[in-house]
């Protein structure tokens, strides 16, 4: 189930790790059956900026 959306990556909590966070709005989470804190798989097709 693919859903298109727009968001900005932010650095994760651990400064020594290569982790990032990507906010997913509640409406989109609901449409894909996820809750806050659940993991999602993201495919990045294009880098802008």
PDB file of N, CA and C in Angstrom:
ATOM      1  N   UNK A   1       0.851  -1.163   0.000  1.00  0.00           N
ATOM      2  CA  UNK A   1       0.000   0.000   0.000  1.00  0.00           C
ATOM      3  C   UNK A   1       0.902   1.232   0.000  1.00  0.00           C
ATOM      4  N   UNK A   2       0.956   1.959  -1.091  1.00  0.00           N
ATOM      5  CA  UNK A   2       1.787   3.148  -1.190  1.00  0.00           C
ATOM      6  C   UNK A   2       0.935   4.397  -1.047  1.00  0.00           C
ATOM      7  N   UNK A   3       1.422   5.328  -0.261  1.00  0.00           N
ATOM      8  CA  UNK A   3       0.769   6.619  -0.072  1.00  0.00           C
ATOM      9  C   UNK A   3       1.830   7.692  -0.295  1.00  0.00           C
ATOM     10  N   UNK A   4       1.481   8.715  -1.044  1.00  0.00           N
ATOM     11  CA  UNK A   4       2.411   9.799  -1.298  1.00  0.00           C
ATOM     12  C   UNK A   4       2.200  10.905  -0.272  1.00  0.00           C
ATOM     13  N   UNK A   5       3.314  11.453   0.254  1.00  0.00           N
ATOM     14  CA  UNK A   5       3.205  12.570   1.188  1.00  0.00           C
ATOM     15  C   UNK A   5       4.481  13.378   1.165  1.00  0.00           C
ATOM     16  N   UNK A   6       4.450  14.532   1.785  1.00  0.00           N
ATOM     17  CA  UNK A   6       5.571  15.466   1.801  1.00  0.00           C
ATOM     18  C   UNK A   6       5.954  15.736   3.251  1.00  0.00           C
ATOM     19  N   UNK A   7       7.238  15.588   3.586  1.00  0.00           N
ATOM     20  CA  UNK A   7       7.704  15.837   4.953  1.00  0.00           C
ATOM     21  C   UNK A   7       9.193  16.153   4.926  1.00  0.00           C
ATOM     22  N   UNK A   8       9.710  16.654   6.037  1.00  0.00           N
ATOM     23  CA  UNK A   8      11.137  16.958   6.174  1.00  0.00           C
ATOM     24  C   UNK A   8      11.763  16.023   7.201  1.00  0.00           C
ATOM     25  N   UNK A   9      12.944  15.493   6.867  1.00  0.00           N
ATOM     26  CA  UNK A   9      13.693  14.668   7.809  1.00  0.00           C
ATOM     27  C   UNK A   9      14.282  15.536   8.904  1.00  0.00           C
ATOM     28  N   UNK A  10      14.356  15.003  10.106  1.00  0.00           N
ATOM     29  CA  UNK A  10      15.058  15.686  11.195  1.00  0.00           C
ATOM     30  C   UNK A  10      16.018  14.697  11.838  1.00  0.00           C
ATOM     31  N   UNK A  11      17.064  15.207  12.467  1.00  0.00           N
ATOM     32  CA  UNK A  11      18.059  14.351  13.100  1.00  0.00           C
ATOM     33  C   UNK A  11      17.446  13.575  14.254  1.00  0.00           C
ATOM     34  N   UNK A  12      17.928  12.359  14.472  1.00  0.00           N
ATOM     35  CA  UNK A  12      17.458  11.539  15.581  1.00  0.00           C
ATOM     36  C   UNK A  12      18.015  12.011  16.914  1.00  0.00           C
ATOM     37  N   UNK A  13      17.650  11.322  17.977  1.00  0.00           N
ATOM     38  CA  UNK A  13      18.043  11.711  19.336  1.00  0.00           C
ATOM     39  C   UNK A  13      19.493  11.384  19.670  1.00  0.00           C
ATOM     40  N   UNK A  14      20.086  10.399  19.003  1.00  0.00           N
ATOM     41  CA  UNK A  14      21.436   9.954  19.313  1.00  0.00           C
ATOM     42  C   UNK A  14      22.426  10.625  18.360  1.00  0.00           C
ATOM     43  N   UNK A  15      23.199  11.628  18.848  1.00  0.00           N
ATOM     44  CA  UNK A  15      24.080  12.382  17.953  1.00  0.00           C
ATOM     45  C   UNK A  15      25.182  11.542  17.309  1.00  0.00           C
ATOM     46  N   UNK A  16      25.534  10.407  17.873  1.00  0.00           N
ATOM     47  CA  UNK A  16      26.577   9.568  17.291  1.00  0.00           C
ATOM     48  C   UNK A  16      26.070   8.572  16.264  1.00  0.00           C
ATOM     49  N   UNK A  17      24.766   8.432  16.148  1.00  0.00           N
ATOM     50  CA  UNK A  17      24.178   7.447  15.235  1.00  0.00           C
ATOM     51  C   UNK A  17      23.662   8.136  13.970  1.00  0.00           C
ATOM     52  N   UNK A  18      23.580   7.383  12.905  1.00  0.00           N
ATOM     53  CA  UNK A  18      23.065   7.908  11.636  1.00  0.00           C
ATOM     54  C   UNK A  18      21.567   7.627  11.577  1.00  0.00           C
ATOM     55  N   UNK A  19      20.810   8.256  12.460  1.00  0.00           N
ATOM     56  CA  UNK A  19      19.365   8.065  12.489  1.00  0.00           C
ATOM     57  C   UNK A  19      18.657   9.377  12.198  1.00  0.00           C
ATOM     58  N   UNK A  20      17.502   9.270  11.622  1.00  0.00           N
ATOM     59  CA  UNK A  20      16.685  10.439  11.321  1.00  0.00           C
ATOM     60  C   UNK A  20      15.239  10.126  11.660  1.00  0.00           C
ATOM     61  N   UNK A  21      14.457  11.171  11.831  1.00  0.00           N
ATOM     62  CA  UNK A  21      13.023  11.030  12.081  1.00  0.00           C
ATOM     63  C   UNK A  21      12.268  11.687  10.934  1.00  0.00           C
ATOM     64  N   UNK A  22      11.165  11.074  10.595  1.00  0.00           N
ATOM     65  CA  UNK A  22      10.303  11.620   9.550  1.00  0.00           C
ATOM     66  C   UNK A  22       8.880  11.676  10.099  1.00  0.00           C
ATOM     67  N   UNK A  23       8.365  12.868  10.350  1.00  0.00           N
ATOM     68  CA  UNK A  23       7.025  12.958  10.922  1.00  0.00           C
ATOM     69  C   UNK A  23       5.964  12.487   9.932  1.00  0.00           C
ATOM     70  N   UNK A  24       5.021  11.696  10.430  1.00  0.00           N
ATOM     71  CA  UNK A  24       3.905  11.208   9.621  1.00  0.00           C
ATOM     72  C   UNK A  24       2.619  11.667  10.306  1.00  0.00           C
ATOM     73  N   UNK A  25       1.842  12.463   9.636  1.00  0.00           N
ATOM     74  CA  UNK A  25       0.628  13.038  10.222  1.00  0.00           C
ATOM     75  C   UNK A  25      -0.391  11.958  10.583  1.00  0.00           C
ATOM     76  N   UNK A  26      -1.213  12.275  11.584  1.00  0.00           N
ATOM     77  CA  UNK A  26      -2.196  11.322  12.112  1.00  0.00           C
ATOM     78  C   UNK A  26      -3.138  10.803  11.030  1.00  0.00           C
ATOM     79  N   UNK A  27      -3.583  11.639  10.134  1.00  0.00           N
ATOM     80  CA  UNK A  27      -4.514  11.214   9.088  1.00  0.00           C
ATOM     81  C   UNK A  27      -3.868  10.165   8.179  1.00  0.00           C
ATOM     82  N   UNK A  28      -2.601  10.369   7.827  1.00  0.00           N
ATOM     83  CA  UNK A  28      -1.902   9.387   6.998  1.00  0.00           C
ATOM     84  C   UNK A  28      -1.664   8.099   7.777  1.00  0.00           C
ATOM     85  N   UNK A  29      -1.241   8.211   9.053  1.00  0.00           N
ATOM     86  CA  UNK A  29      -1.054   7.003   9.881  1.00  0.00           C
ATOM     87  C   UNK A  29      -2.326   6.181   9.935  1.00  0.00           C
ATOM     88  N   UNK A  30      -3.449   6.855  10.142  1.00  0.00           N
ATOM     89  CA  UNK A  30      -4.724   6.149  10.217  1.00  0.00           C
ATOM     90  C   UNK A  30      -5.036   5.434   8.909  1.00  0.00           C
ATOM     91  N   UNK A  31      -4.751   6.075   7.786  1.00  0.00           N
ATOM     92  CA  UNK A  31      -5.070   5.476   6.487  1.00  0.00           C
ATOM     93  C   UNK A  31      -4.211   4.249   6.175  1.00  0.00           C
ATOM     94  N   UNK A  32      -3.036   4.120   6.828  1.00  0.00           N
ATOM     95  CA  UNK A  32      -2.184   2.948   6.603  1.00  0.00           C
ATOM     96  C   UNK A  32      -2.174   2.005   7.802  1.00  0.00           C
ATOM     97  N   UNK A  33      -3.050   2.271   8.768  1.00  0.00           N
ATOM     98  CA  UNK A  33      -3.189   1.372   9.916  1.00  0.00           C
ATOM     99  C   UNK A  33      -2.049   1.433  10.911  1.00  0.00           C
ATOM    100  N   UNK A  34      -1.426   2.600  11.077  1.00  0.00           N
ATOM    101  CA  UNK A  34      -0.325   2.774  12.027  1.00  0.00           C
ATOM    102  C   UNK A  34      -0.716   3.750  13.124  1.00  0.00           C
ATOM    103  N   UNK A  35      -0.013   3.656  14.262  1.00  0.00           N
ATOM    104  CA  UNK A  35      -0.218   4.577  15.372  1.00  0.00           C
ATOM    105  C   UNK A  35       1.088   5.310  15.645  1.00  0.00           C
ATOM    106  N   UNK A  36       1.021   6.390  16.414  1.00  0.00           N
ATOM    107  CA  UNK A  36       2.224   7.134  16.783  1.00  0.00           C
ATOM    108  C   UNK A  36       3.220   6.181  17.445  1.00  0.00           C
ATOM    109  N   UNK A  37       4.464   6.220  17.003  1.00  0.00           N
ATOM    110  CA  UNK A  37       5.504   5.353  17.556  1.00  0.00           C
ATOM    111  C   UNK A  37       5.735   4.083  16.758  1.00  0.00           C
ATOM    112  N   UNK A  38       4.800   3.711  15.870  1.00  0.00           N
ATOM    113  CA  UNK A  38       4.987   2.533  15.010  1.00  0.00           C
ATOM    114  C   UNK A  38       6.039   2.816  13.948  1.00  0.00           C
ATOM    115  N   UNK A  39       6.673   1.772  13.473  1.00  0.00           N
ATOM    116  CA  UNK A  39       7.634   1.901  12.374  1.00  0.00           C
ATOM    117  C   UNK A  39       6.902   1.872  11.043  1.00  0.00           C
ATOM    118  N   UNK A  40       7.410   2.641  10.099  1.00  0.00           N
ATOM    119  CA  UNK A  40       6.903   2.618   8.728  1.00  0.00           C
ATOM    120  C   UNK A  40       8.087   2.515   7.784  1.00  0.00           C
ATOM    121  N   UNK A  41       7.874   1.954   6.614  1.00  0.00           N
ATOM    122  CA  UNK A  41       8.909   1.886   5.581  1.00  0.00           C
ATOM    123  C   UNK A  41       8.691   3.052   4.631  1.00  0.00           C
ATOM    124  N   UNK A  42       9.782   3.769   4.323  1.00  0.00           N
ATOM    125  CA  UNK A  42       9.704   4.958   3.477  1.00  0.00           C
ATOM    126  C   UNK A  42      10.641   4.788   2.301  1.00  0.00           C
ATOM    127  N   UNK A  43      10.153   5.103   1.112  1.00  0.00           N
ATOM    128  CA  UNK A  43      10.988   5.115  -0.083  1.00  0.00           C
ATOM    129  C   UNK A  43      11.124   6.562  -0.521  1.00  0.00           C
ATOM    130  N   UNK A  44      12.356   7.040  -0.639  1.00  0.00           N
ATOM    131  CA  UNK A  44      12.613   8.418  -1.073  1.00  0.00           C
ATOM    132  C   UNK A  44      12.958   8.370  -2.554  1.00  0.00           C
ATOM    133  N   UNK A  45      12.122   9.000  -3.372  1.00  0.00           N
ATOM    134  CA  UNK A  45      12.314   8.987  -4.824  1.00  0.00           C
ATOM    135  C   UNK A  45      13.106  10.177  -5.327  1.00  0.00           C
ATOM    136  N   UNK A  46      13.087  11.272  -4.584  1.00  0.00           N
ATOM    137  CA  UNK A  46      13.705  12.490  -5.100  1.00  0.00           C
ATOM    138  C   UNK A  46      14.207  13.347  -3.940  1.00  0.00           C
ATOM    139  N   UNK A  47      15.383  13.895  -4.104  1.00  0.00           N
ATOM    140  CA  UNK A  47      15.904  14.833  -3.101  1.00  0.00           C
ATOM    141  C   UNK A  47      15.695  16.242  -3.624  1.00  0.00           C
ATOM    142  N   UNK A  48      15.101  17.065  -2.799  1.00  0.00           N
ATOM    143  CA  UNK A  48      14.848  18.455  -3.173  1.00  0.00           C
ATOM    144  C   UNK A  48      15.657  19.346  -2.253  1.00  0.00           C
ATOM    145  N   UNK A  49      16.446  20.229  -2.819  1.00  0.00           N
ATOM    146  CA  UNK A  49      17.204  21.169  -2.001  1.00  0.00           C
ATOM    147  C   UNK A  49      18.607  20.846  -1.766  1.00  0.00           C
TER     148      UNK A  49
END
